[in-house]
Amino acid sequence: MGVWRDGRVAGVRVIGHRETPGLGDKIELDKSDWILSFNDQRWLGEEDRRWKVRKDGGQFDQFTGATITPRAIVRQVAAVLRYYEQRKNQILTPFNLPPDTIENTIERGDSHES
């Protein structure tokens, strides 16, 4: 899962699962575009009730005959967004460098990767 700096979902992909072919495997992008429904969504805090499948009063579709898998994915995407919002300052400050160091590094195009 990727998250944009502003807290929106950049994208979600499932890289492995053991779901029933033709049923729960709709979490795969090549089987269904369901996973794209998370793109650009935000978590708006603990009172945000949208982060459930429709059957449970939320905004995300579930699959016919398969609710457990969509519920789990919706729950995990919301958990990542919650984590990001709670720790955004730490996440966006690489290596806890002073702000002027970060700005100079960005301007020069330096990377912290080895």
C-alpha atoms as a PDB file:
ATOM      1  CA  MET A   1       0.000   0.000   0.000  1.00  0.00           C
ATOM      2  CA  GLY A   2       1.178   3.493  -0.815  1.00  0.00           C
ATOM      3  CA  VAL A   3       0.080   6.688   0.901  1.00  0.00           C
ATOM      4  CA  TRP A   4       0.482  10.174  -0.537  1.00  0.00           C
ATOM      5  CA  ARG A   5       1.987  12.848   1.730  1.00  0.00           C
ATOM      6  CA  ASP A   6      -1.476  14.369   2.237  1.00  0.00           C
ATOM      7  CA  GLY A   7      -2.820  11.075   3.642  1.00  0.00           C
ATOM      8  CA  ARG A   8      -4.701   9.820   0.574  1.00  0.00           C
ATOM      9  CA  VAL A   9      -4.310   6.239  -0.564  1.00  0.00           C
ATOM     10  CA  ALA A  10      -1.922   6.117  -3.525  1.00  0.00           C
ATOM     11  CA  GLY A  11      -2.724   2.484  -4.238  1.00  0.00           C
ATOM     12  CA  VAL A  12      -3.275  -0.960  -2.750  1.00  0.00           C
ATOM     13  CA  ARG A  13      -2.253  -4.314  -4.189  1.00  0.00           C
ATOM     14  CA  VAL A  14      -2.442  -7.853  -2.889  1.00  0.00           C
ATOM     15  CA  ILE A  15       0.815  -9.676  -3.592  1.00  0.00           C
ATOM     16  CA  GLY A  16      -0.207 -13.085  -2.287  1.00  0.00           C
ATOM     17  CA  HIS A  17      -3.245 -14.915  -0.913  1.00  0.00           C
ATOM     18  CA  ARG A  18      -4.921 -18.315  -0.589  1.00  0.00           C
ATOM     19  CA  GLU A  19      -8.433 -17.302  -1.535  1.00  0.00           C
ATOM     20  CA  THR A  20     -10.911 -19.489  -3.359  1.00  0.00           C
ATOM     21  CA  PRO A  21     -10.483 -19.058  -7.134  1.00  0.00           C
ATOM     22  CA  GLY A  22     -13.462 -17.247  -8.601  1.00  0.00           C
ATOM     23  CA  LEU A  23     -14.667 -16.022  -5.212  1.00  0.00           C
ATOM     24  CA  GLY A  24     -12.214 -14.266  -2.904  1.00  0.00           C
ATOM     25  CA  ASP A  25      -9.581 -13.859  -5.591  1.00  0.00           C
ATOM     26  CA  LYS A  26     -11.349 -10.706  -6.784  1.00  0.00           C
ATOM     27  CA  ILE A  27      -8.859  -8.871  -4.563  1.00  0.00           C
ATOM     28  CA  GLU A  28      -6.380  -9.337  -7.428  1.00  0.00           C
ATOM     29  CA  LEU A  29      -6.254  -6.478  -9.920  1.00  0.00           C
ATOM     30  CA  ASP A  30      -6.187  -8.847 -12.897  1.00  0.00           C
ATOM     31  CA  LYS A  31      -9.464 -10.446 -11.670  1.00  0.00           C
ATOM     32  CA  SER A  32     -11.359  -7.317 -10.622  1.00  0.00           C
ATOM     33  CA  ASP A  33     -10.877  -3.565 -10.252  1.00  0.00           C
ATOM     34  CA  TRP A  34     -12.284  -3.699  -6.679  1.00  0.00           C
ATOM     35  CA  ILE A  35      -8.875  -2.941  -5.136  1.00  0.00           C
ATOM     36  CA  LEU A  36      -8.847   0.384  -7.014  1.00  0.00           C
ATOM     37  CA  SER A  37     -11.798   1.607  -4.914  1.00  0.00           C
ATOM     38  CA  PHE A  38      -9.268   2.611  -2.229  1.00  0.00           C
ATOM     39  CA  ASN A  39      -7.416   5.054  -4.485  1.00  0.00           C
ATOM     40  CA  ASP A  40      -7.555   8.646  -3.213  1.00  0.00           C
ATOM     41  CA  GLN A  41      -9.566   7.689  -0.111  1.00  0.00           C
ATOM     42  CA  ARG A  42      -8.696   9.204   3.282  1.00  0.00           C
ATOM     43  CA  TRP A  43      -9.158   8.150   6.861  1.00  0.00           C
ATOM     44  CA  LEU A  44     -10.981  10.960   8.648  1.00  0.00           C
ATOM     45  CA  GLY A  45     -10.438   9.841  12.233  1.00  0.00           C
ATOM     46  CA  GLU A  46     -11.895   7.385  14.694  1.00  0.00           C
ATOM     47  CA  GLU A  47     -15.461   8.459  13.893  1.00  0.00           C
ATOM     48  CA  ASP A  48     -15.039   7.740  10.161  1.00  0.00           C
ATOM     49  CA  ARG A  49     -17.649   5.008   9.578  1.00  0.00           C
ATOM     50  CA  ARG A  50     -16.987   4.695   5.846  1.00  0.00           C
ATOM     51  CA  TRP A  51     -14.172   2.170   6.405  1.00  0.00           C
ATOM     52  CA  LYS A  52     -16.387  -0.911   6.292  1.00  0.00           C
ATOM     53  CA  VAL A  53     -17.995  -2.990   3.582  1.00  0.00           C
ATOM     54  CA  ARG A  54     -21.491  -1.899   2.526  1.00  0.00           C
ATOM     55  CA  LYS A  55     -23.045  -4.885   4.285  1.00  0.00           C
ATOM     56  CA  ASP A  56     -21.706  -3.405   7.548  1.00  0.00           C
ATOM     57  CA  GLY A  57     -22.758   0.164   6.751  1.00  0.00           C
ATOM     58  CA  GLY A  58     -19.559   1.333   5.031  1.00  0.00           C
ATOM     59  CA  GLN A  59     -18.720   2.503   1.529  1.00  0.00           C
ATOM     60  CA  PHE A  60     -16.780  -0.462   0.133  1.00  0.00           C
ATOM     61  CA  ASP A  61     -18.409  -3.225  -1.907  1.00  0.00           C
ATOM     62  CA  GLN A  62     -18.034  -6.840  -0.899  1.00  0.00           C
ATOM     63  CA  PHE A  63     -18.117  -9.765  -3.319  1.00  0.00           C
ATOM     64  CA  THR A  64     -21.084 -12.066  -3.756  1.00  0.00           C
ATOM     65  CA  GLY A  65     -20.417 -14.991  -1.452  1.00  0.00           C
ATOM     66  CA  ALA A  66     -17.262 -13.441  -0.002  1.00  0.00           C
ATOM     67  CA  THR A  67     -17.407 -10.841   2.742  1.00  0.00           C
ATOM     68  CA  ILE A  68     -14.592 -11.906   5.070  1.00  0.00           C
ATOM     69  CA  THR A  69     -11.771 -11.048   2.657  1.00  0.00           C
ATOM     70  CA  PRO A  70     -13.070  -7.585   1.696  1.00  0.00           C
ATOM     71  CA  ARG A  71     -13.698  -6.838   5.389  1.00  0.00           C
ATOM     72  CA  ALA A  72     -10.123  -7.786   6.241  1.00  0.00           C
ATOM     73  CA  ILE A  73      -8.642  -5.666   3.470  1.00  0.00           C
ATOM     74  CA  VAL A  74     -10.790  -2.637   4.280  1.00  0.00           C
ATOM     75  CA  ARG A  75      -9.806  -2.972   7.944  1.00  0.00           C
ATOM     76  CA  GLN A  76      -6.088  -3.197   7.110  1.00  0.00           C
ATOM     77  CA  VAL A  77      -6.117  -0.272   4.684  1.00  0.00           C
ATOM     78  CA  ALA A  78      -7.820   1.849   7.357  1.00  0.00           C
ATOM     79  CA  ALA A  79      -5.230   0.676   9.912  1.00  0.00           C
ATOM     80  CA  VAL A  80      -2.359   1.791   7.662  1.00  0.00           C
ATOM     81  CA  LEU A  81      -3.990   5.201   7.137  1.00  0.00           C
ATOM     82  CA  ARG A  82      -4.541   5.549  10.884  1.00  0.00           C
ATOM     83  CA  TYR A  83      -0.889   4.652  11.518  1.00  0.00           C
ATOM     84  CA  TYR A  84       0.251   7.171   8.916  1.00  0.00           C
ATOM     85  CA  GLU A  85      -1.865   9.995  10.359  1.00  0.00           C
ATOM     86  CA  GLN A  86      -0.670   9.281  13.900  1.00  0.00           C
ATOM     87  CA  ARG A  87       3.012   9.232  12.859  1.00  0.00           C
ATOM     88  CA  LYS A  88       3.060  11.496   9.806  1.00  0.00           C
ATOM     89  CA  ASN A  89       5.692  13.872  11.207  1.00  0.00           C
ATOM     90  CA  GLN A  90       8.060  11.017  12.003  1.00  0.00           C
ATOM     91  CA  ILE A  91       7.481   9.325   8.654  1.00  0.00           C
ATOM     92  CA  LEU A  92       8.019  12.482   6.612  1.00  0.00           C
ATOM     93  CA  THR A  93      11.178  13.496   8.460  1.00  0.00           C
ATOM     94  CA  PRO A  94      13.899  11.199   7.126  1.00  0.00           C
ATOM     95  CA  PHE A  95      16.444  10.162   9.726  1.00  0.00           C
ATOM     96  CA  ASN A  96      15.215  12.916  12.084  1.00  0.00           C
ATOM     97  CA  LEU A  97      17.386  15.455  10.266  1.00  0.00           C
ATOM     98  CA  PRO A  98      16.915  19.160  10.996  1.00  0.00           C
ATOM     99  CA  PRO A  99      14.447  20.799   8.556  1.00  0.00           C
ATOM    100  CA  ASP A 100      17.137  22.895   6.816  1.00  0.00           C
ATOM    101  CA  THR A 101      19.139  19.718   6.080  1.00  0.00           C
ATOM    102  CA  ILE A 102      16.080  18.069   4.557  1.00  0.00           C
ATOM    103  CA  GLU A 103      15.348  21.077   2.335  1.00  0.00           C
ATOM    104  CA  ASN A 104      18.986  21.269   1.152  1.00  0.00           C
ATOM    105  CA  THR A 105      19.013  17.533   0.398  1.00  0.00           C
ATOM    106  CA  ILE A 106      15.787  17.770  -1.610  1.00  0.00           C
ATOM    107  CA  GLU A 107      17.080  20.778  -3.585  1.00  0.00           C
ATOM    108  CA  ARG A 108      20.315  18.938  -4.502  1.00  0.00           C
ATOM    109  CA  GLY A 109      18.401  15.772  -5.376  1.00  0.00           C
ATOM    110  CA  ASP A 110      20.420  13.645  -2.954  1.00  0.00           C
ATOM    111  CA  SER A 111      19.086  10.274  -1.903  1.00  0.00           C
ATOM    112  CA  HIS A 112      19.393   8.537   1.464  1.00  0.00           C
ATOM    113  CA  GLU A 113      19.427   5.132  -0.181  1.00  0.00           C
ATOM    114  CA  SER A 114      22.611   3.089  -0.110  1.00  0.00           C
END
